[in-house]
Amino acid sequence: MATQETRPATDLPTVATAYNGVDRNAFIFGWNPQAELWNGRLAAIGFLAYLLWDLAGYSVLRDVLHIIGY
């Protein structure tokens, strides 16, 4: 019965490569897979910031609805 060999930790890649072989976490300007990752990360940070702002009592949406009469 053969034993399954385990990969040593030194064989792991040092960077996460994308479809084009470039580091997926690199901040590269233009239309590329990295832009989608950064767009999602920044959108999540913005959503969390607005959620915390709203929980603190400063609601932009509530103020706008109050101004237009709802």
N, C-alpha and C. Protein backbone atom coordinates (compact mmCIF):
# COMPACT_ATOMS: atom_id res chain seq x y z
N MET A 1 0.85 -1.18 0.00
CA MET A 1 0.00 0.00 0.00
C MET A 1 0.90 1.24 0.00
N ALA A 2 0.68 2.10 -0.96
CA ALA A 2 1.51 3.30 -1.08
C ALA A 2 0.96 4.40 -0.17
N THR A 3 1.87 5.17 0.38
CA THR A 3 1.47 6.28 1.23
C THR A 3 1.42 7.57 0.41
N GLN A 4 0.49 8.41 0.78
CA GLN A 4 0.38 9.69 0.07
C GLN A 4 1.40 10.66 0.64
N GLU A 5 2.19 11.25 -0.23
CA GLU A 5 3.19 12.22 0.22
C GLU A 5 2.52 13.58 0.44
N THR A 6 3.00 14.28 1.42
CA THR A 6 2.50 15.63 1.67
C THR A 6 3.47 16.63 1.09
N ARG A 7 2.92 17.73 0.65
CA ARG A 7 3.77 18.77 0.07
C ARG A 7 4.40 19.58 1.19
N PRO A 8 5.68 19.81 1.13
CA PRO A 8 6.30 20.68 2.13
C PRO A 8 5.84 22.13 1.94
N ALA A 9 5.91 22.90 3.00
CA ALA A 9 5.45 24.29 2.95
C ALA A 9 6.26 25.14 1.99
N THR A 10 7.45 24.74 1.63
CA THR A 10 8.28 25.54 0.73
C THR A 10 7.80 25.46 -0.71
N ASP A 11 6.92 24.51 -1.05
CA ASP A 11 6.42 24.39 -2.41
C ASP A 11 5.23 25.29 -2.68
N LEU A 12 4.71 25.97 -1.69
CA LEU A 12 3.55 26.82 -1.87
C LEU A 12 3.94 28.08 -2.63
N PRO A 13 3.04 28.59 -3.48
CA PRO A 13 3.37 29.82 -4.21
C PRO A 13 3.46 31.01 -3.25
N THR A 14 4.31 31.95 -3.58
CA THR A 14 4.49 33.11 -2.71
C THR A 14 3.47 34.21 -3.00
N VAL A 15 2.89 34.23 -4.20
CA VAL A 15 1.86 35.21 -4.54
C VAL A 15 0.68 34.48 -5.15
N ALA A 16 -0.51 35.08 -5.04
CA ALA A 16 -1.69 34.52 -5.68
C ALA A 16 -1.71 35.03 -7.11
N THR A 17 -1.57 34.15 -8.08
CA THR A 17 -1.51 34.58 -9.47
C THR A 17 -2.90 34.64 -10.08
N ALA A 18 -3.10 35.58 -10.97
CA ALA A 18 -4.37 35.75 -11.66
C ALA A 18 -4.31 35.04 -13.00
N TYR A 19 -5.30 35.28 -13.82
CA TYR A 19 -5.35 34.64 -15.14
C TYR A 19 -4.17 35.05 -16.00
N ASN A 20 -3.69 36.26 -15.83
CA ASN A 20 -2.59 36.74 -16.66
C ASN A 20 -1.22 36.55 -16.00
N GLY A 21 -1.17 35.81 -14.89
CA GLY A 21 0.10 35.52 -14.25
C GLY A 21 0.64 36.63 -13.38
N VAL A 22 -0.15 37.66 -13.12
CA VAL A 22 0.28 38.78 -12.28
C VAL A 22 -0.35 38.60 -10.91
N ASP A 23 0.30 39.11 -9.88
CA ASP A 23 -0.23 39.03 -8.53
C ASP A 23 -1.63 39.63 -8.48
N ARG A 24 -2.60 38.86 -7.95
CA ARG A 24 -3.98 39.32 -7.91
C ARG A 24 -4.17 40.50 -6.96
N ASN A 25 -3.29 40.70 -6.02
CA ASN A 25 -3.43 41.79 -5.07
C ASN A 25 -2.71 43.06 -5.53
N ALA A 26 -2.04 43.02 -6.65
CA ALA A 26 -1.32 44.20 -7.15
C ALA A 26 -2.33 45.26 -7.57
N PHE A 27 -2.03 46.52 -7.28
CA PHE A 27 -2.89 47.63 -7.69
C PHE A 27 -2.44 48.08 -9.07
N ILE A 28 -3.11 47.59 -10.10
CA ILE A 28 -2.76 47.87 -11.48
C ILE A 28 -3.88 48.69 -12.10
N PHE A 29 -3.54 49.80 -12.72
CA PHE A 29 -4.54 50.67 -13.34
C PHE A 29 -5.03 50.07 -14.64
N GLY A 30 -6.33 50.18 -14.91
CA GLY A 30 -6.89 49.73 -16.18
C GLY A 30 -7.91 48.63 -16.00
N TRP A 31 -8.38 48.08 -17.13
CA TRP A 31 -9.37 47.01 -17.12
C TRP A 31 -8.65 45.67 -17.00
N ASN A 32 -8.67 45.09 -15.82
CA ASN A 32 -7.99 43.83 -15.58
C ASN A 32 -8.65 43.12 -14.40
N PRO A 33 -8.34 41.84 -14.17
CA PRO A 33 -8.96 41.13 -13.05
C PRO A 33 -8.66 41.75 -11.69
N GLN A 34 -7.52 42.39 -11.54
CA GLN A 34 -7.17 43.00 -10.28
C GLN A 34 -8.11 44.16 -9.94
N ALA A 35 -8.58 44.86 -10.96
CA ALA A 35 -9.48 45.99 -10.73
C ALA A 35 -10.78 45.53 -10.09
N GLU A 36 -11.29 44.37 -10.48
CA GLU A 36 -12.52 43.85 -9.89
C GLU A 36 -12.33 43.51 -8.42
N LEU A 37 -11.18 42.96 -8.07
CA LEU A 37 -10.92 42.64 -6.67
C LEU A 37 -10.86 43.91 -5.83
N TRP A 38 -10.14 44.92 -6.32
CA TRP A 38 -10.03 46.17 -5.57
C TRP A 38 -11.37 46.90 -5.51
N ASN A 39 -12.15 46.83 -6.59
CA ASN A 39 -13.46 47.45 -6.60
C ASN A 39 -14.35 46.84 -5.53
N GLY A 40 -14.35 45.53 -5.42
CA GLY A 40 -15.15 44.85 -4.41
C GLY A 40 -14.69 45.16 -3.00
N ARG A 41 -13.39 45.21 -2.79
CA ARG A 41 -12.86 45.52 -1.46
C ARG A 41 -13.22 46.93 -1.04
N LEU A 42 -13.05 47.89 -1.94
CA LEU A 42 -13.36 49.28 -1.60
C LEU A 42 -14.86 49.49 -1.42
N ALA A 43 -15.69 48.77 -2.19
CA ALA A 43 -17.13 48.86 -2.01
C ALA A 43 -17.54 48.31 -0.65
N ALA A 44 -16.92 47.22 -0.22
CA ALA A 44 -17.23 46.65 1.09
C ALA A 44 -16.82 47.61 2.21
N ILE A 45 -15.69 48.26 2.06
CA ILE A 45 -15.24 49.23 3.06
C ILE A 45 -16.22 50.41 3.11
N GLY A 46 -16.66 50.88 1.95
CA GLY A 46 -17.60 51.99 1.89
C GLY A 46 -18.95 51.63 2.50
N PHE A 47 -19.42 50.43 2.23
CA PHE A 47 -20.69 49.98 2.80
C PHE A 47 -20.59 49.89 4.32
N LEU A 48 -19.51 49.34 4.82
CA LEU A 48 -19.31 49.23 6.27
C LEU A 48 -19.20 50.62 6.91
N ALA A 49 -18.51 51.54 6.25
CA ALA A 49 -18.37 52.89 6.78
C ALA A 49 -19.73 53.57 6.86
N TYR A 50 -20.56 53.42 5.81
CA TYR A 50 -21.88 54.03 5.85
C TYR A 50 -22.76 53.38 6.91
N LEU A 51 -22.66 52.06 7.07
CA LEU A 51 -23.44 51.36 8.09
C LEU A 51 -23.08 51.87 9.49
N LEU A 52 -21.80 52.01 9.77
CA LEU A 52 -21.37 52.53 11.06
C LEU A 52 -21.82 53.98 11.25
N TRP A 53 -21.75 54.78 10.18
CA TRP A 53 -22.18 56.17 10.22
C TRP A 53 -23.69 56.24 10.54
N ASP A 54 -24.46 55.34 9.91
CA ASP A 54 -25.90 55.31 10.13
C ASP A 54 -26.23 54.86 11.55
N LEU A 55 -25.52 53.88 12.06
CA LEU A 55 -25.74 53.41 13.42
C LEU A 55 -25.37 54.47 14.46
N ALA A 56 -24.48 55.37 14.09
CA ALA A 56 -24.10 56.45 15.00
C ALA A 56 -25.14 57.56 15.03
N GLY A 57 -26.14 57.48 14.16
CA GLY A 57 -27.22 58.47 14.18
C GLY A 57 -27.17 59.48 13.06
N TYR A 58 -26.20 59.40 12.18
CA TYR A 58 -26.07 60.33 11.06
C TYR A 58 -26.49 59.63 9.79
N SER A 59 -27.77 59.70 9.45
CA SER A 59 -28.27 58.98 8.28
C SER A 59 -28.51 59.94 7.12
N VAL A 60 -27.78 59.78 6.07
CA VAL A 60 -27.96 60.61 4.87
C VAL A 60 -29.31 60.28 4.24
N LEU A 61 -29.64 59.01 4.15
CA LEU A 61 -30.90 58.61 3.53
C LEU A 61 -32.09 59.14 4.31
N ARG A 62 -32.07 59.07 5.62
CA ARG A 62 -33.16 59.59 6.45
C ARG A 62 -33.28 61.11 6.29
N ASP A 63 -32.17 61.80 6.24
CA ASP A 63 -32.20 63.25 6.06
C ASP A 63 -32.77 63.64 4.71
N VAL A 64 -32.41 62.92 3.66
CA VAL A 64 -32.91 63.21 2.32
C VAL A 64 -34.42 62.95 2.28
N LEU A 65 -34.87 61.85 2.86
CA LEU A 65 -36.30 61.57 2.87
C LEU A 65 -37.07 62.61 3.67
N HIS A 66 -36.47 63.13 4.73
CA HIS A 66 -37.11 64.17 5.53
C HIS A 66 -37.23 65.47 4.74
N ILE A 67 -36.21 65.79 3.96
CA ILE A 67 -36.20 67.02 3.18
C ILE A 67 -37.28 66.99 2.09
N ILE A 68 -37.44 65.83 1.43
CA ILE A 68 -38.41 65.77 0.34
C ILE A 68 -39.83 65.48 0.84
N GLY A 69 -40.03 65.30 2.16
CA GLY A 69 -41.36 65.22 2.72
C GLY A 69 -41.88 63.84 3.02
N TYR A 70 -41.05 62.83 3.03
CA TYR A 70 -41.54 61.48 3.37
C TYR A 70 -41.38 61.20 4.83
